[in-house]
Protein backbone atom coordinates (compact mmCIF):
# COMPACT_ATOMS: atom_id res chain seq x y z
CA MET A 1 239.83 180.83 105.11
CA LEU A 2 239.92 184.76 105.01
CA THR A 3 237.53 186.53 107.40
CA SER A 4 235.46 189.30 105.88
CA THR A 5 233.69 192.29 107.23
CA TYR A 6 231.28 194.91 105.81
CA ASN A 7 230.96 198.55 105.90
CA LEU A 8 227.38 199.03 107.21
CA TRP A 9 227.01 202.62 105.64
CA LEU A 10 228.03 201.13 102.14
CA VAL A 11 225.60 198.34 102.58
CA VAL A 12 222.92 200.72 103.28
CA ILE A 13 223.67 202.78 100.31
CA SER A 14 223.75 199.75 98.19
CA VAL A 15 220.18 198.96 99.10
CA LEU A 16 218.89 202.50 98.70
CA VAL A 17 220.66 202.45 95.13
CA ALA A 18 218.58 199.21 94.47
CA MET A 19 215.36 200.79 95.54
CA LEU A 20 216.10 203.82 93.33
CA ALA A 21 217.02 201.86 90.28
CA SER A 22 213.76 199.57 90.87
CA TYR A 23 211.79 202.75 90.86
CA THR A 24 213.44 204.01 87.82
CA ALA A 25 212.77 200.77 86.05
CA LEU A 26 208.90 200.95 86.89
CA ASP A 27 208.83 204.45 85.65
CA MET A 28 210.82 203.69 82.40
CA ALA A 29 208.30 200.95 81.48
CA GLY A 30 205.47 203.56 81.82
CA ARG A 31 207.26 205.72 79.53
CA ILE A 32 208.06 203.42 76.94
CA THR A 33 204.57 202.09 76.89
CA ALA A 34 203.10 205.71 76.39
CA ALA A 35 205.69 206.58 73.74
CA ASP A 36 205.70 205.25 70.05
CA GLY A 37 208.13 204.90 67.21
CA ARG A 38 211.57 206.69 67.71
CA SER A 39 210.80 208.18 70.87
CA ALA A 40 209.92 204.76 72.29
CA ARG A 41 213.23 203.43 71.15
CA TRP A 42 215.12 206.48 72.84
CA TRP A 43 213.17 205.70 76.08
CA LEU A 44 214.05 201.98 75.91
CA ALA A 45 217.86 202.99 75.50
CA GLY A 46 218.12 205.52 78.19
CA GLY A 47 215.92 203.30 80.43
CA SER A 48 218.06 200.33 79.94
CA LEU A 49 221.27 202.39 80.61
CA ALA A 50 219.76 203.90 83.89
CA MET A 51 218.33 200.68 84.99
CA GLY A 52 221.46 198.47 84.12
CA SER A 53 223.82 200.89 85.77
CA GLY A 54 221.79 201.22 88.79
CA ILE A 55 221.59 197.57 89.50
CA TRP A 56 225.20 197.35 88.66
CA SER A 57 226.12 200.11 91.02
CA MET A 58 224.20 198.47 93.77
CA HIS A 59 226.31 195.32 93.00
CA PHE A 60 229.63 197.11 93.11
CA ILE A 61 228.84 199.19 96.15
CA GLY A 62 227.91 196.09 97.95
CA MET A 63 231.20 194.51 96.81
CA LEU A 64 232.96 197.66 97.97
CA ALA A 65 231.49 197.24 101.37
CA TYR A 66 233.15 194.00 101.48
CA HIS A 67 236.46 194.00 103.32
CA LEU A 68 239.27 191.57 103.54
CA PRO A 69 242.45 191.62 105.14
CA ILE A 70 244.27 192.02 102.01
CA ALA A 71 244.73 194.76 99.40
CA MET A 72 241.78 194.87 96.86
CA GLY A 73 241.14 196.04 93.37
CA TYR A 74 239.21 195.32 90.29
CA ASP A 75 240.15 194.64 86.75
CA PRO A 76 238.61 197.33 84.81
CA TRP A 77 237.82 195.17 81.66
CA ILE A 78 235.89 192.53 83.71
CA THR A 79 234.24 195.31 85.36
CA CYS A 80 233.04 196.63 82.12
CA ALA A 81 231.75 193.31 81.14
CA SER A 82 229.90 193.10 84.39
CA TRP A 83 228.20 196.56 83.53
CA LEU A 84 227.47 195.43 80.14
CA ALA A 85 225.57 192.37 81.47
CA GLY A 86 223.51 194.56 83.64
CA ILE A 87 222.48 196.82 80.73
CA LEU A 88 221.86 193.98 78.37
CA SER A 89 219.63 192.24 80.90
CA SER A 90 217.70 195.54 81.68
CA ALA A 91 217.13 196.01 77.94
CA PHE A 92 215.60 192.59 77.66
CA ALA A 93 213.32 193.36 80.73
CA LEU A 94 212.26 196.65 79.51
CA SER A 95 211.39 195.61 76.13
CA LEU A 96 209.38 192.62 77.42
CA VAL A 97 207.22 194.58 79.73
CA SER A 98 206.45 197.06 77.13
CA GLN A 99 204.44 194.51 75.01
CA LYS A 100 200.65 194.64 74.83
CA GLN A 101 200.37 191.36 76.58
CA LEU A 102 202.55 189.40 79.18
CA ARG A 103 201.41 185.90 79.08
CA ASN A 104 202.55 183.44 81.90
CA ARG A 105 204.78 181.36 79.59
CA ARG A 106 206.66 184.70 78.49
CA LEU A 107 206.85 185.91 81.94
CA CYS A 108 208.55 182.78 83.18
CA LEU A 109 211.11 182.72 80.26
CA GLY A 110 211.87 186.37 80.87
CA ALA A 111 212.15 185.75 84.50
CA LEU A 112 214.83 183.04 83.75
CA LEU A 113 216.76 185.11 81.09
CA MET A 114 216.79 188.28 83.43
CA GLY A 115 217.76 186.34 86.32
CA ALA A 116 220.77 184.55 84.33
CA GLY A 117 221.79 188.17 83.45
CA VAL A 118 221.72 189.34 86.88
CA CYS A 119 223.71 186.35 88.02
CA ALA A 120 226.12 186.96 85.13
CA MET A 121 226.58 190.53 86.40
CA HIS A 122 227.29 189.41 89.84
CA TYR A 123 229.72 186.58 89.34
CA THR A 124 231.61 188.47 86.54
CA GLY A 125 232.00 191.35 88.97
CA MET A 126 233.44 188.83 91.48
CA ALA A 127 235.91 187.57 89.09
CA ALA A 128 237.00 191.17 88.55
CA MET A 129 238.93 190.93 91.62
CA ARG A 130 241.06 188.33 89.96
CA MET A 131 241.69 186.10 93.24
CA SER A 132 244.62 183.81 93.27
CA PRO A 133 243.87 180.87 94.19
CA ALA A 134 240.55 181.37 92.72
CA ILE A 135 237.44 181.97 94.83
CA GLN A 136 235.68 178.89 96.33
CA TYR A 137 231.86 179.00 96.04
CA ASN A 138 229.38 177.20 98.36
CA HIS A 139 227.19 175.64 95.54
CA LEU A 140 224.03 175.56 97.80
CA LEU A 141 224.42 179.41 98.28
CA VAL A 142 224.96 179.89 94.56
CA ALA A 143 221.92 178.00 93.68
CA LEU A 144 219.98 179.99 96.29
CA SER A 145 221.23 183.21 94.90
CA GLY A 146 220.13 181.94 91.61
CA VAL A 147 216.65 181.35 92.64
CA ILE A 148 216.26 184.47 94.39
CA ALA A 149 217.41 186.24 91.00
CA VAL A 150 214.76 184.53 89.07
CA VAL A 151 212.06 185.11 91.46
CA ALA A 152 213.04 188.67 92.06
CA SER A 153 213.22 189.01 88.24
CA GLY A 154 209.77 187.57 87.80
CA ALA A 155 208.14 189.76 90.46
CA ALA A 156 210.03 193.06 88.89
CA LEU A 157 208.59 192.23 85.36
CA TRP A 158 205.11 191.39 86.70
CA LEU A 159 205.10 194.65 88.79
CA ALA A 160 206.44 196.68 85.79
CA PHE A 161 204.05 195.48 83.45
CA HIS A 162 201.00 196.20 85.55
CA LEU A 163 202.22 199.50 87.10
CA ARG A 164 202.63 201.19 83.56
CA GLN A 165 199.88 203.79 83.80
CA HIS A 166 200.67 207.21 85.16
CA SER A 167 198.35 208.17 88.17
CA SER A 168 198.94 209.29 91.69
CA ARG A 169 197.93 205.89 93.05
CA VAL A 170 200.07 204.09 90.61
CA LYS A 171 203.00 206.46 91.72
CA LEU A 172 202.51 205.40 95.45
CA LEU A 173 202.37 201.62 94.23
CA ARG A 174 205.73 201.94 92.46
CA ALA A 175 207.34 203.35 95.47
CA GLY A 176 206.19 200.44 97.51
CA SER A 177 207.03 197.98 94.70
CA ALA A 178 210.47 199.73 94.46
CA VAL A 179 211.13 198.96 98.01
CA ILE A 180 210.33 195.37 97.75
CA MET A 181 212.42 194.83 94.39
CA GLY A 182 215.28 196.62 95.87
CA CYS A 183 215.29 194.29 98.89
CA ALA A 184 215.10 191.45 96.65
CA ILE A 185 217.93 192.43 94.42
CA THR A 186 220.29 193.13 97.35
CA GLY A 187 219.19 189.85 98.94
CA MET A 188 220.34 188.07 95.81
CA HIS A 189 223.76 189.99 95.89
CA TYR A 190 224.60 189.39 99.61
CA THR A 191 223.52 185.75 99.37
CA GLY A 192 226.05 185.50 96.44
CA MET A 193 228.64 187.21 98.39
CA ALA A 194 228.17 184.77 101.33
CA ALA A 195 228.71 181.95 98.91
CA ALA A 196 232.04 183.36 98.04
CA GLN A 197 234.93 181.77 100.35
CA MET A 198 238.50 183.05 100.13
CA PRO A 199 241.37 180.67 101.01
CA ALA A 200 243.66 181.82 103.76
CA ASN A 201 246.55 182.29 101.11
CA SER A 202 244.63 184.49 98.78
CA ILE A 203 246.00 187.64 97.06
CA CYS A 204 244.05 189.95 94.86
CA LEU A 205 245.89 190.15 91.51
CA ALA A 206 244.12 193.34 90.48
CA SER A 207 244.94 195.26 93.82
CA HIS A 208 247.95 197.28 92.08
CA SER A 209 246.90 197.14 88.32
CA GLY A 210 243.09 197.43 88.86
CA ILE A 211 240.76 200.24 90.19
CA ASP A 212 241.25 201.68 93.56
CA SER A 213 238.42 200.65 95.94
CA LEU A 214 238.02 204.11 97.37
CA TRP A 215 237.94 205.81 94.21
CA LEU A 216 235.64 203.50 92.65
CA ALA A 217 233.08 203.74 95.43
CA SER A 218 233.00 207.62 95.28
CA LEU A 219 232.53 207.51 91.37
CA VAL A 220 230.03 204.89 91.37
CA ILE A 221 227.95 206.41 93.90
CA ILE A 222 228.04 210.12 92.39
CA SER A 223 227.49 208.91 88.75
CA THR A 224 224.69 206.45 89.72
CA LEU A 225 222.60 208.85 91.99
CA GLY A 226 223.30 211.61 89.30
CA GLY A 227 222.28 209.48 86.47
CA LEU A 228 219.16 208.17 87.92
CA ALA A 229 218.08 211.51 89.08
CA VAL A 230 218.60 212.95 85.66
CA VAL A 231 216.41 210.13 84.09
CA LEU A 232 213.57 210.55 86.54
CA VAL A 233 213.50 214.23 86.25
CA THR A 234 213.57 213.93 82.42
CA SER A 235 210.57 211.64 82.63
CA VAL A 236 208.48 213.85 84.84
CA ILE A 237 209.26 216.95 82.64
CA ASP A 238 208.41 214.89 79.46
CA MET A 239 205.15 213.51 81.16
CA ARG A 240 204.12 217.13 81.98
CA LEU A 241 204.77 218.40 78.51
CA GLU A 242 202.95 215.44 77.09
CA SER A 243 199.88 216.30 79.21
CA ARG A 244 199.99 219.72 78.29
CA THR A 245 200.19 219.07 74.78
CA ALA A 246 197.21 216.66 74.89
CA ALA A 247 195.25 219.24 76.76
CA LEU A 248 196.05 221.93 74.03
CA ALA A 249 195.21 219.34 71.26
CA ALA A 250 191.83 218.73 72.92
CA SER A 251 191.04 222.21 72.97
CA LEU A 252 191.85 222.75 69.48
CA ALA A 253 189.81 219.84 68.44
CA ASN A 254 186.86 221.37 70.23
CA ALA A 255 187.34 224.70 68.86
CA ASN A 256 187.57 223.39 65.37
CA GLN A 257 184.46 221.28 65.90
CA GLU A 258 182.62 224.41 67.02
CA LEU A 259 183.84 226.54 64.16
CA THR A 260 182.66 223.91 61.77
CA TYR A 261 179.17 223.93 63.45
CA LEU A 262 178.83 227.61 63.29
CA ALA A 263 179.94 227.45 59.66
CA LEU A 264 177.28 224.86 58.63
CA HIS A 265 174.45 226.23 60.79
CA ASP A 266 172.39 229.39 61.11
CA ASN A 267 173.34 231.54 63.95
CA LEU A 268 169.95 232.32 65.17
CA THR A 269 167.76 229.12 64.39
CA LYS A 270 170.63 226.63 64.71
CA LEU A 271 169.18 224.96 61.60
CA PRO A 272 171.59 223.68 58.82
CA ASN A 273 172.41 226.39 56.30
CA ARG A 274 172.86 226.39 52.45
CA LEU A 275 176.62 225.29 52.75
CA LEU A 276 175.42 222.13 54.61
CA LEU A 277 172.64 221.41 52.21
CA GLU A 278 175.07 221.73 49.28
CA ASP A 279 177.61 219.38 51.00
CA ARG A 280 174.85 216.80 51.72
CA LEU A 281 173.48 216.91 48.18
CA ASN A 282 176.96 216.29 46.53
CA GLN A 283 177.52 213.40 49.00
CA ALA A 284 174.14 211.98 47.83
CA ILE A 285 174.99 212.45 44.36
CA GLN A 286 178.25 210.85 44.48
CA GLY A 287 176.79 207.81 46.36
CA ALA A 288 174.08 207.44 44.01
CA ARG A 289 176.60 207.47 41.15
CA ARG A 290 178.86 204.70 42.85
CA SER A 291 175.88 202.42 43.79
CA HIS A 292 173.91 203.31 40.69
CA THR A 293 170.62 203.93 42.68
CA PRO A 294 168.39 206.91 42.61
CA PHE A 295 167.59 209.28 45.42
CA SER A 296 165.12 212.00 46.14
CA VAL A 297 165.19 215.36 47.73
CA LEU A 298 162.04 216.88 49.64
CA PHE A 299 161.45 220.56 49.18
CA LEU A 300 159.15 222.18 51.93
CA ASP A 301 158.32 225.85 51.33
CA LEU A 302 157.39 227.85 54.30
CA ASP A 303 155.45 231.09 53.44
CA GLY A 304 156.85 234.20 55.33
CA PHE A 305 159.72 232.30 56.72
CA LYS A 306 162.25 235.15 55.78
CA THR A 307 160.06 237.88 57.49
CA VAL A 308 159.93 235.91 60.61
CA ARG A 309 163.68 235.24 60.60
CA SER A 310 164.39 238.78 60.03
CA GLU A 311 162.12 239.95 62.84
CA GLU A 312 163.85 237.33 65.16
CA ARG A 313 167.20 238.87 64.06
CA ARG A 314 166.13 242.54 64.94
CA VAL A 315 164.72 241.42 68.38
CA GLY A 316 167.96 239.51 68.98
CA LYS A 317 169.92 242.57 68.24
CA GLU A 318 167.94 244.80 70.39
CA CYS A 319 168.32 242.47 73.28
CA ARG A 320 171.97 242.45 72.94
CA SER A 321 172.31 246.24 72.83
CA ARG A 322 170.34 246.59 76.16
């Protein structure tokens, strides 16, 4: 079998990318839940693209950290298929955690389907090397990588569902959860890599016609970090705009309520005025017509009330002028 080595720096970068992708997924779950209609669909599409690309990038950076004593390359079409598998599994995960309820049965089914999608992404990406003879796998380690993928997916779905609200404490919990999720995702990847065994006479058929490893590493790292950063910044800006809009709407509602009160009550006595009396009488008349029931009006006359009210207004004006 061919002896393999790892580039330690690329391994570290792959773990960091997995953590950043996990944090983005948790943040997107909150944005999708807070949005509605077309806005929610746009956040779902953008979040799926960012999350899937992040997980796929972690996978490929980890593969690029894997060195064999032969020329290496990757088939572009199989590589794209692997990337698409990551995006589709991410779209399923985000749509699942954006539901109002996440029952245990749905959580288990979601973990199985998302774990299968992550495994499909990983092993499709491995196939992009087009090794001849074919890669030999340790079935026990393959099964272990599948179990890790399902458990990690289930934990990710549970955390994303319960950390959808926006607050200072939730952000801290998201950061801690992203670290755990990132380590779980990379654990699945490197377990799957450890399951791969290359025969001594292996050659990479994609080494000349495929994508160059160094060029791919730079492209994946830069594009992934840039894309995830753009998505997170957009989410923060949108959240702040949404908070300001909600504050303005609340202020406007309070102002309208105060104006309505002033229009229907006397400024001095704060008693209901004639406009409010006419409105209540019209409502009573309409209600009586609909229900065919009578109603009564009690009229109370206060002698000298206008004189008292005029005197109160005069005193009020003198107090204000002083």
